[in-house]
C-alpha atoms as a PDB file:
ATOM      1  CA  MET A   1      54.005-155.353  86.941  1.00  0.00           C
ATOM      2  CA  GLN A   2      56.043-152.271  85.895  1.00  0.00           C
ATOM      3  CA  ASN A   3      57.806-154.329  83.444  1.00  0.00           C
ATOM      4  CA  LYS A   4      54.695-155.296  81.430  1.00  0.00           C
ATOM      5  CA  ARG A   5      53.408-151.800  81.381  1.00  0.00           C
ATOM      6  CA  ILE A   6      56.877-150.630  79.788  1.00  0.00           C
ATOM      7  CA  GLN A   7      56.514-153.395  77.270  1.00  0.00           C
ATOM      8  CA  LEU A   8      53.001-152.739  76.501  1.00  0.00           C
ATOM      9  CA  GLY A   9      53.819-148.969  76.115  1.00  0.00           C
ATOM     10  CA  VAL A  10      56.628-149.855  73.575  1.00  0.00           C
ATOM     11  CA  VAL A  11      54.267-152.262  71.769  1.00  0.00           C
ATOM     12  CA  VAL A  12      51.649-149.544  71.414  1.00  0.00           C
ATOM     13  CA  VAL A  13      54.137-146.783  70.274  1.00  0.00           C
ATOM     14  CA  LEU A  14      55.520-149.307  67.603  1.00  0.00           C
ATOM     15  CA  VAL A  15      52.210-150.000  66.325  1.00  0.00           C
ATOM     16  CA  LEU A  16      51.351-146.348  66.135  1.00  0.00           C
ATOM     17  CA  ALA A  17      54.484-145.580  64.386  1.00  0.00           C
ATOM     18  CA  VAL A  18      53.831-148.211  61.733  1.00  0.00           C
ATOM     19  CA  LEU A  19      50.389-147.299  61.369  1.00  0.00           C
ATOM     20  CA  VAL A  20      51.490-143.478  60.689  1.00  0.00           C
ATOM     21  CA  VAL A  21      54.084-144.625  58.081  1.00  0.00           C
ATOM     22  CA  VAL A  22      51.670-146.869  56.232  1.00  0.00           C
ATOM     23  CA  LEU A  23      49.073-143.979  56.088  1.00  0.00           C
ATOM     24  CA  VAL A  24      51.317-141.309  55.097  1.00  0.00           C
ATOM     25  CA  LYS A  25      53.269-143.515  52.539  1.00  0.00           C
ATOM     26  CA  LYS A  26      49.982-144.512  51.007  1.00  0.00           C
ATOM     27  CA  PRO A  27      50.494-144.050  47.298  1.00  0.00           C
ATOM     28  CA  ASN A  28      48.396-141.864  45.321  1.00  0.00           C
ATOM     29  CA  ASN A  29      45.813-143.145  42.966  1.00  0.00           C
ATOM     30  CA  THR A  30      47.749-144.234  40.122  1.00  0.00           C
ATOM     31  CA  ASN A  31      45.825-141.939  37.943  1.00  0.00           C
ATOM     32  CA  ASP A  32      46.601-139.040  40.486  1.00  0.00           C
ATOM     33  CA  TYR A  33      48.982-136.589  38.983  1.00  0.00           C
ATOM     34  CA  SER A  34      50.378-133.637  40.795  1.00  0.00           C
ATOM     35  CA  VAL A  35      52.006-130.303  39.995  1.00  0.00           C
ATOM     36  CA  VAL A  36      55.201-129.189  41.755  1.00  0.00           C
ATOM     37  CA  TYR A  37      56.404-125.657  41.364  1.00  0.00           C
ATOM     38  CA  VAL A  38      60.116-125.037  42.782  1.00  0.00           C
ATOM     39  CA  SER A  39      62.176-121.988  43.378  1.00  0.00           C
ATOM     40  CA  THR A  40      63.936-122.267  40.138  1.00  0.00           C
ATOM     41  CA  GLN A  41      60.673-121.284  38.447  1.00  0.00           C
ATOM     42  CA  GLU A  42      60.351-124.818  36.898  1.00  0.00           C
ATOM     43  CA  VAL A  43      57.286-126.584  36.728  1.00  0.00           C
ATOM     44  CA  TYR A  44      57.258-130.557  37.103  1.00  0.00           C
ATOM     45  CA  VAL A  45      53.946-133.036  36.816  1.00  0.00           C
ATOM     46  CA  GLY A  46      54.081-136.305  37.988  1.00  0.00           C
ATOM     47  CA  LYS A  47      53.204-138.913  40.662  1.00  0.00           C
ATOM     48  CA  LEU A  48      53.965-137.396  43.841  1.00  0.00           C
ATOM     49  CA  THR A  49      54.951-138.978  47.358  1.00  0.00           C
ATOM     50  CA  THR A  50      55.723-136.597  49.941  1.00  0.00           C
ATOM     51  CA  PHE A  51      57.129-138.875  52.728  1.00  0.00           C
ATOM     52  CA  PRO A  52      59.557-139.512  53.554  1.00  0.00           C
ATOM     53  CA  SER A  53      60.982-137.155  51.070  1.00  0.00           C
ATOM     54  CA  PHE A  54      59.192-135.160  47.811  1.00  0.00           C
ATOM     55  CA  GLU A  55      59.525-137.712  45.212  1.00  0.00           C
ATOM     56  CA  LEU A  56      58.002-137.467  41.633  1.00  0.00           C
ATOM     57  CA  LYS A  57      57.819-140.609  39.330  1.00  0.00           C
ATOM     58  CA  ASP A  58      56.494-140.636  35.872  1.00  0.00           C
ATOM     59  CA  VAL A  59      57.821-136.664  35.470  1.00  0.00           C
ATOM     60  CA  TYR A  60      57.064-134.585  32.997  1.00  0.00           C
ATOM     61  CA  ILE A  61      58.571-130.823  32.543  1.00  0.00           C
ATOM     62  CA  TYR A  62      55.985-128.171  31.771  1.00  0.00           C
ATOM     63  CA  LYS A  63      57.093-125.533  29.422  1.00  0.00           C
ATOM     64  CA  VAL A  64      55.127-122.551  27.910  1.00  0.00           C
ATOM     65  CA  THR A  65      55.975-121.999  24.395  1.00  0.00           C
ATOM     66  CA  LYS A  66      54.710-119.039  22.029  1.00  0.00           C
ATOM     67  CA  ASP A  67      52.159-119.879  19.582  1.00  0.00           C
ATOM     68  CA  LEU A  68      53.804-119.796  16.134  1.00  0.00           C
ATOM     69  CA  ALA A  69      50.621-118.783  14.037  1.00  0.00           C
ATOM     70  CA  ASN A  70      49.838-115.930  16.808  1.00  0.00           C
ATOM     71  CA  GLU A  71      52.375-114.244  18.850  1.00  0.00           C
ATOM     72  CA  SER A  72      50.106-113.115  21.441  1.00  0.00           C
ATOM     73  CA  LYS A  73      48.909-116.580  22.330  1.00  0.00           C
ATOM     74  CA  THR A  74      50.893-119.300  24.184  1.00  0.00           C
ATOM     75  CA  ASN A  75      50.708-123.030  24.260  1.00  0.00           C
ATOM     76  CA  PHE A  76      52.492-125.475  26.585  1.00  0.00           C
ATOM     77  CA  GLN A  77      54.262-128.510  26.127  1.00  0.00           C
ATOM     78  CA  LEU A  78      54.682-131.581  28.464  1.00  0.00           C
ATOM     79  CA  ILE A  79      58.234-133.136  27.864  1.00  0.00           C
ATOM     80  CA  PRO A  80      58.679-136.434  29.458  1.00  0.00           C
ATOM     81  CA  VAL A  81      61.608-136.566  31.758  1.00  0.00           C
ATOM     82  CA  LYS A  82      62.513-140.152  30.754  1.00  0.00           C
ATOM     83  CA  ASP A  83      63.183-138.903  27.093  1.00  0.00           C
ATOM     84  CA  ALA A  84      65.928-136.670  28.599  1.00  0.00           C
ATOM     85  CA  LEU A  85      69.789-137.705  28.171  1.00  0.00           C
ATOM     86  CA  TRP A  86      69.818-138.365  32.082  1.00  0.00           C
ATOM     87  CA  ALA A  87      66.429-140.056  32.155  1.00  0.00           C
ATOM     88  CA  PRO A  88      65.964-140.700  35.699  1.00  0.00           C
ATOM     89  CA  GLU A  89      63.370-143.116  37.079  1.00  0.00           C
ATOM     90  CA  SER A  90      62.059-140.494  39.512  1.00  0.00           C
ATOM     91  CA  MET A  91      62.954-137.032  41.016  1.00  0.00           C
ATOM     92  CA  HIS A  92      63.682-136.091  44.549  1.00  0.00           C
ATOM     93  CA  PHE A  93      63.142-132.459  45.723  1.00  0.00           C
ATOM     94  CA  ASN A  94      64.413-130.604  48.613  1.00  0.00           C
ATOM     95  CA  ARG A  95      61.300-129.566  50.582  1.00  0.00           C
ATOM     96  CA  GLN A  96      62.824-125.996  50.851  1.00  0.00           C
ATOM     97  CA  ASN A  97      63.088-125.492  47.208  1.00  0.00           C
ATOM     98  CA  VAL A  98      59.366-126.376  46.639  1.00  0.00           C
ATOM     99  CA  ILE A  99      57.165-123.297  46.227  1.00  0.00           C
ATOM    100  CA  PHE A 100      53.861-125.173  45.943  1.00  0.00           C
ATOM    101  CA  TYR A 101      52.393-128.505  44.966  1.00  0.00           C
ATOM    102  CA  GLY A 102      48.795-130.004  44.396  1.00  0.00           C
ATOM    103  CA  THR A 103      46.807-132.560  42.639  1.00  0.00           C
ATOM    104  CA  LEU A 104      45.694-131.790  39.174  1.00  0.00           C
ATOM    105  CA  SER A 105      42.039-131.888  38.584  1.00  0.00           C
ATOM    106  CA  PRO A 106      40.992-134.709  36.342  1.00  0.00           C
ATOM    107  CA  ASP A 107      39.138-131.914  34.418  1.00  0.00           C
ATOM    108  CA  SER A 108      42.202-129.916  33.860  1.00  0.00           C
ATOM    109  CA  VAL A 109      43.793-129.257  30.403  1.00  0.00           C
ATOM    110  CA  ILE A 110      47.152-130.883  31.746  1.00  0.00           C
ATOM    111  CA  ALA A 111      45.346-133.908  32.873  1.00  0.00           C
ATOM    112  CA  LYS A 112      43.405-134.482  29.607  1.00  0.00           C
ATOM    113  CA  LYS A 113      46.662-134.004  27.773  1.00  0.00           C
ATOM    114  CA  LEU A 114      48.335-136.540  29.804  1.00  0.00           C
ATOM    115  CA  ALA A 115      45.307-139.052  29.554  1.00  0.00           C
ATOM    116  CA  GLU A 116      45.766-138.684  25.515  1.00  0.00           C
ATOM    117  CA  GLN A 117      49.654-139.192  25.800  1.00  0.00           C
ATOM    118  CA  ASN A 118      49.326-142.320  28.035  1.00  0.00           C
ATOM    119  CA  THR A 119      46.706-144.042  25.671  1.00  0.00           C
END
């Protein structure tokens, strides 16, 4: 009897562990982009998963540039990391270096710019 309880307990723990991994690893909606701000003051935009590590796919670097026509204004660029010389398929971040992250609103300027670039 005691042996069956132990086996049942092990099965329950394994099922719960698998369930937690599946729910946490659940991929974002393919249209969901997130922004990640790191301690080096760089901003990255991409499709984020946070388990088991911070990983961005379809990554862009967000850069602020001065407007050439009007120096008091700024513009931004989204530079695809895939076009860089090192062209990684994804980027992994050390959690201690991530200052903040969040999902982009579909109505944000960056989300609209990404939609334009991906069509």
